């Protein structure tokens, strides 16, 4: 049996990233949309808004810009087991 890490969403990082939020096993809606925390019922984006004391835009590209402007990155992997 071997384990393999596979990126399921592209990392959102750059050279200015100081905080990296790492997740695992994104939900079906996130995978379908190819968006981090794509399920509207997920609490991630409202929590980010509270932490940054800002309104979080509805547009996904603007959400990522908000994170990057605050030096926050996102990365998710999925551990695949092969038997």
C-alpha atoms as a PDB file:
ATOM      1  CA  UNK A   1       0.000   0.000   0.000  1.00  0.00           C
ATOM      2  CA  UNK A   2       1.297   3.467  -0.850  1.00  0.00           C
ATOM      3  CA  UNK A   3       0.032   6.939  -0.073  1.00  0.00           C
ATOM      4  CA  UNK A   4       0.082   9.778  -2.562  1.00  0.00           C
ATOM      5  CA  UNK A   5      -0.608  13.468  -1.987  1.00  0.00           C
ATOM      6  CA  UNK A   6      -2.510  15.057  -4.817  1.00  0.00           C
ATOM      7  CA  UNK A   7      -3.332  18.739  -5.227  1.00  0.00           C
ATOM      8  CA  UNK A   8      -7.054  19.042  -5.779  1.00  0.00           C
ATOM      9  CA  UNK A   9      -7.155  22.854  -5.900  1.00  0.00           C
ATOM     10  CA  UNK A  10      -4.328  25.104  -6.984  1.00  0.00           C
ATOM     11  CA  UNK A  11      -2.441  26.686  -4.094  1.00  0.00           C
ATOM     12  CA  UNK A  12      -3.148  30.360  -3.459  1.00  0.00           C
ATOM     13  CA  UNK A  13       0.294  31.542  -2.400  1.00  0.00           C
ATOM     14  CA  UNK A  14       2.934  33.976  -3.501  1.00  0.00           C
ATOM     15  CA  UNK A  15       6.199  35.368  -2.183  1.00  0.00           C
ATOM     16  CA  UNK A  16       4.367  37.727   0.194  1.00  0.00           C
ATOM     17  CA  UNK A  17       2.410  34.937   1.923  1.00  0.00           C
ATOM     18  CA  UNK A  18       3.020  34.985   5.678  1.00  0.00           C
ATOM     19  CA  UNK A  19       0.091  32.842   6.860  1.00  0.00           C
ATOM     20  CA  UNK A  20      -0.796  29.598   5.109  1.00  0.00           C
ATOM     21  CA  UNK A  21      -4.160  28.000   5.823  1.00  0.00           C
ATOM     22  CA  UNK A  22      -3.930  24.305   4.976  1.00  0.00           C
ATOM     23  CA  UNK A  23      -7.025  22.188   4.500  1.00  0.00           C
ATOM     24  CA  UNK A  24      -7.840  18.685   3.410  1.00  0.00           C
ATOM     25  CA  UNK A  25     -10.572  16.901   1.506  1.00  0.00           C
ATOM     26  CA  UNK A  26     -12.598  19.770   0.003  1.00  0.00           C
ATOM     27  CA  UNK A  27     -16.320  19.253  -0.389  1.00  0.00           C
ATOM     28  CA  UNK A  28     -18.142  18.375  -3.577  1.00  0.00           C
ATOM     29  CA  UNK A  29     -19.270  21.966  -4.273  1.00  0.00           C
ATOM     30  CA  UNK A  30     -15.758  23.316  -3.794  1.00  0.00           C
ATOM     31  CA  UNK A  31     -14.383  20.760  -6.231  1.00  0.00           C
ATOM     32  CA  UNK A  32     -17.144  21.410  -8.779  1.00  0.00           C
ATOM     33  CA  UNK A  33     -16.607  25.177  -8.581  1.00  0.00           C
ATOM     34  CA  UNK A  34     -12.819  24.803  -8.248  1.00  0.00           C
ATOM     35  CA  UNK A  35     -13.019  27.278  -5.374  1.00  0.00           C
ATOM     36  CA  UNK A  36     -11.772  27.112  -1.831  1.00  0.00           C
ATOM     37  CA  UNK A  37     -14.707  26.941   0.587  1.00  0.00           C
ATOM     38  CA  UNK A  38     -17.189  27.067  -2.294  1.00  0.00           C
ATOM     39  CA  UNK A  39     -20.189  25.863  -0.312  1.00  0.00           C
ATOM     40  CA  UNK A  40     -22.176  28.971   0.678  1.00  0.00           C
ATOM     41  CA  UNK A  41     -22.990  27.346   4.036  1.00  0.00           C
ATOM     42  CA  UNK A  42     -19.290  27.025   4.897  1.00  0.00           C
ATOM     43  CA  UNK A  43     -18.247  29.455   7.639  1.00  0.00           C
ATOM     44  CA  UNK A  44     -14.721  30.087   6.337  1.00  0.00           C
ATOM     45  CA  UNK A  45     -15.377  33.351   4.482  1.00  0.00           C
ATOM     46  CA  UNK A  46     -17.504  34.954   7.242  1.00  0.00           C
ATOM     47  CA  UNK A  47     -14.781  34.045   9.764  1.00  0.00           C
ATOM     48  CA  UNK A  48     -12.125  35.644   7.541  1.00  0.00           C
ATOM     49  CA  UNK A  49     -14.312  38.761   7.409  1.00  0.00           C
ATOM     50  CA  UNK A  50     -14.525  38.862  11.195  1.00  0.00           C
ATOM     51  CA  UNK A  51     -10.777  38.346  11.630  1.00  0.00           C
ATOM     52  CA  UNK A  52      -9.913  41.052   9.094  1.00  0.00           C
ATOM     53  CA  UNK A  53     -12.798  43.276  10.254  1.00  0.00           C
ATOM     54  CA  UNK A  54     -13.887  43.684   6.629  1.00  0.00           C
ATOM     55  CA  UNK A  55     -16.769  42.738   4.394  1.00  0.00           C
ATOM     56  CA  UNK A  56     -15.824  39.771   2.224  1.00  0.00           C
ATOM     57  CA  UNK A  57     -16.722  40.241  -1.449  1.00  0.00           C
ATOM     58  CA  UNK A  58     -19.056  37.754  -3.116  1.00  0.00           C
ATOM     59  CA  UNK A  59     -16.803  37.474  -6.176  1.00  0.00           C
ATOM     60  CA  UNK A  60     -14.332  34.616  -5.719  1.00  0.00           C
ATOM     61  CA  UNK A  61     -11.465  36.415  -7.467  1.00  0.00           C
ATOM     62  CA  UNK A  62     -11.932  39.380  -5.154  1.00  0.00           C
ATOM     63  CA  UNK A  63     -11.985  37.038  -2.157  1.00  0.00           C
ATOM     64  CA  UNK A  64      -8.609  35.647  -3.173  1.00  0.00           C
ATOM     65  CA  UNK A  65      -7.285  39.178  -3.686  1.00  0.00           C
ATOM     66  CA  UNK A  66      -8.460  40.081  -0.172  1.00  0.00           C
ATOM     67  CA  UNK A  67      -6.478  37.150   1.237  1.00  0.00           C
ATOM     68  CA  UNK A  68      -3.390  37.974  -0.803  1.00  0.00           C
ATOM     69  CA  UNK A  69      -3.594  41.638   0.216  1.00  0.00           C
ATOM     70  CA  UNK A  70      -3.405  40.426   3.821  1.00  0.00           C
ATOM     71  CA  UNK A  71      -0.572  37.961   3.085  1.00  0.00           C
ATOM     72  CA  UNK A  72      -2.810  34.920   3.629  1.00  0.00           C
ATOM     73  CA  UNK A  73      -2.475  31.833   1.440  1.00  0.00           C
ATOM     74  CA  UNK A  74      -4.581  28.710   0.964  1.00  0.00           C
ATOM     75  CA  UNK A  75      -3.552  25.182   0.119  1.00  0.00           C
ATOM     76  CA  UNK A  76      -5.431  21.896   0.195  1.00  0.00           C
ATOM     77  CA  UNK A  77      -4.346  18.361  -0.539  1.00  0.00           C
ATOM     78  CA  UNK A  78      -6.099  15.053  -0.613  1.00  0.00           C
ATOM     79  CA  UNK A  79      -4.392  11.906   0.579  1.00  0.00           C
ATOM     80  CA  UNK A  80      -5.078   9.082  -1.859  1.00  0.00           C
ATOM     81  CA  UNK A  81      -4.503   5.554  -0.712  1.00  0.00           C
ATOM     82  CA  UNK A  82      -3.574   2.951  -3.233  1.00  0.00           C
ATOM     83  CA  UNK A  83      -3.917  -0.680  -2.285  1.00  0.00           C
END
